[in-house]
Amino acid sequence: MDTSQITGLILAGGRGTRMGTVDKGLQLFRDAPMALHVLMRLSPQVGYIMINANQNMGPYEGCGGRVWQDEMQGFGG
């Protein structure tokens, strides 16, 4: 399969209530945000990456990939 035709999606849109309402995707692991670790692992397997996030848009944009918010506001799940 031609990987350039595959779009990867990183889901980072939750509230993180089970972790004390921290943004899980931005929590550091080995000195880098978790979302960046996922992006680096996914990148060789896809042609395009999107990140779904509902808060802290700037830091997610800094990880690379295009950031999309949910159409429905309020963390509907």
C-alpha atoms as a PDB file:
ATOM      1  CA  MET A   1       0.000   0.000   0.000  1.00  0.00           C
ATOM      2  CA  ASP A   2       1.232   3.496  -0.838  1.00  0.00           C
ATOM      3  CA  THR A   3       1.651   5.128   2.573  1.00  0.00           C
ATOM      4  CA  SER A   4       1.468   8.609   1.035  1.00  0.00           C
ATOM      5  CA  GLN A   5      -2.250   7.933   0.546  1.00  0.00           C
ATOM      6  CA  ILE A   6      -2.821   7.274   4.264  1.00  0.00           C
ATOM      7  CA  THR A   7      -3.835   9.957   6.756  1.00  0.00           C
ATOM      8  CA  GLY A   8      -2.940   9.449  10.417  1.00  0.00           C
ATOM      9  CA  LEU A   9      -5.031  10.965  13.196  1.00  0.00           C
ATOM     10  CA  ILE A  10      -3.826  11.621  16.723  1.00  0.00           C
ATOM     11  CA  LEU A  11      -6.749  11.939  19.125  1.00  0.00           C
ATOM     12  CA  ALA A  12      -5.840  14.422  21.844  1.00  0.00           C
ATOM     13  CA  GLY A  13      -9.215  16.017  22.492  1.00  0.00           C
ATOM     14  CA  GLY A  14     -10.155  14.745  25.935  1.00  0.00           C
ATOM     15  CA  ARG A  15     -10.396  16.524  29.264  1.00  0.00           C
ATOM     16  CA  GLY A  16      -7.992  14.241  31.104  1.00  0.00           C
ATOM     17  CA  THR A  17     -10.238  13.945  34.155  1.00  0.00           C
ATOM     18  CA  ARG A  18      -8.678  10.645  35.250  1.00  0.00           C
ATOM     19  CA  MET A  19      -5.314  12.419  35.379  1.00  0.00           C
ATOM     20  CA  GLY A  20      -6.486  15.465  37.336  1.00  0.00           C
ATOM     21  CA  THR A  21      -7.678  17.378  34.227  1.00  0.00           C
ATOM     22  CA  VAL A  22      -4.219  17.717  32.689  1.00  0.00           C
ATOM     23  CA  ASP A  23      -3.836  17.680  28.925  1.00  0.00           C
ATOM     24  CA  LYS A  24      -2.493  14.142  28.451  1.00  0.00           C
ATOM     25  CA  GLY A  25      -1.027  14.791  25.022  1.00  0.00           C
ATOM     26  CA  LEU A  26       1.171  17.571  26.373  1.00  0.00           C
ATOM     27  CA  GLN A  27       2.474  15.655  29.384  1.00  0.00           C
ATOM     28  CA  LEU A  28       6.194  15.109  29.120  1.00  0.00           C
ATOM     29  CA  PHE A  29       7.638  11.649  28.627  1.00  0.00           C
ATOM     30  CA  ARG A  30      11.388  11.434  28.150  1.00  0.00           C
ATOM     31  CA  ASP A  31      11.574  15.230  27.833  1.00  0.00           C
ATOM     32  CA  ALA A  32       8.985  15.547  25.032  1.00  0.00           C
ATOM     33  CA  PRO A  33       5.166  15.821  24.915  1.00  0.00           C
ATOM     34  CA  MET A  34       3.349  12.510  24.451  1.00  0.00           C
ATOM     35  CA  ALA A  35       1.690  13.808  21.281  1.00  0.00           C
ATOM     36  CA  LEU A  36       5.116  14.429  19.757  1.00  0.00           C
ATOM     37  CA  HIS A  37       6.198  10.854  20.550  1.00  0.00           C
ATOM     38  CA  VAL A  38       3.078   9.553  18.798  1.00  0.00           C
ATOM     39  CA  LEU A  39       3.643  11.852  15.829  1.00  0.00           C
ATOM     40  CA  MET A  40       7.246  10.700  15.417  1.00  0.00           C
ATOM     41  CA  ARG A  41       6.214   7.010  15.509  1.00  0.00           C
ATOM     42  CA  LEU A  42       3.292   7.525  13.132  1.00  0.00           C
ATOM     43  CA  SER A  43       5.050   9.769  10.592  1.00  0.00           C
ATOM     44  CA  PRO A  44       6.952   7.046   8.689  1.00  0.00           C
ATOM     45  CA  GLN A  45       3.726   5.084   8.235  1.00  0.00           C
ATOM     46  CA  VAL A  46       1.490   7.792   6.753  1.00  0.00           C
ATOM     47  CA  GLY A  47       1.591  10.608   4.238  1.00  0.00           C
ATOM     48  CA  TYR A  48      -0.294  13.182   6.282  1.00  0.00           C
ATOM     49  CA  ILE A  49      -0.992  13.636   9.999  1.00  0.00           C
ATOM     50  CA  MET A  50      -3.840  15.448  11.705  1.00  0.00           C
ATOM     51  CA  ILE A  51      -4.174  16.117  15.432  1.00  0.00           C
ATOM     52  CA  ASN A  52      -7.609  16.368  17.045  1.00  0.00           C
ATOM     53  CA  ALA A  53      -7.415  18.630  20.115  1.00  0.00           C
ATOM     54  CA  ASN A  54      -9.897  20.874  21.904  1.00  0.00           C
ATOM     55  CA  GLN A  55      -7.564  22.964  24.042  1.00  0.00           C
ATOM     56  CA  ASN A  56      -3.966  24.200  23.975  1.00  0.00           C
ATOM     57  CA  MET A  57      -4.016  24.470  20.199  1.00  0.00           C
ATOM     58  CA  GLY A  58      -0.688  26.322  19.950  1.00  0.00           C
ATOM     59  CA  PRO A  59       1.402  23.651  21.674  1.00  0.00           C
ATOM     60  CA  TYR A  60      -0.203  20.943  19.513  1.00  0.00           C
ATOM     61  CA  GLU A  61       0.503  22.943  16.370  1.00  0.00           C
ATOM     62  CA  GLY A  62       4.120  23.092  17.539  1.00  0.00           C
ATOM     63  CA  CYS A  63       4.286  19.285  17.427  1.00  0.00           C
ATOM     64  CA  GLY A  64       3.635  19.307  13.685  1.00  0.00           C
ATOM     65  CA  GLY A  65       0.659  18.205  11.679  1.00  0.00           C
ATOM     66  CA  ARG A  66      -2.567  20.116  11.266  1.00  0.00           C
ATOM     67  CA  VAL A  67      -4.743  20.573  14.366  1.00  0.00           C
ATOM     68  CA  TRP A  68      -8.519  20.163  14.207  1.00  0.00           C
ATOM     69  CA  GLN A  69     -11.099  20.830  16.920  1.00  0.00           C
ATOM     70  CA  ASP A  70     -14.266  18.822  17.395  1.00  0.00           C
ATOM     71  CA  GLU A  71     -17.289  20.376  15.697  1.00  0.00           C
ATOM     72  CA  MET A  72     -19.339  19.845  18.852  1.00  0.00           C
ATOM     73  CA  GLN A  73     -18.027  21.882  21.756  1.00  0.00           C
ATOM     74  CA  GLY A  74     -18.046  20.744  25.379  1.00  0.00           C
ATOM     75  CA  PHE A  75     -15.947  17.572  25.274  1.00  0.00           C
ATOM     76  CA  GLY A  76     -18.885  15.375  24.243  1.00  0.00           C
ATOM     77  CA  GLY A  77     -16.671  12.286  23.934  1.00  0.00           C
END
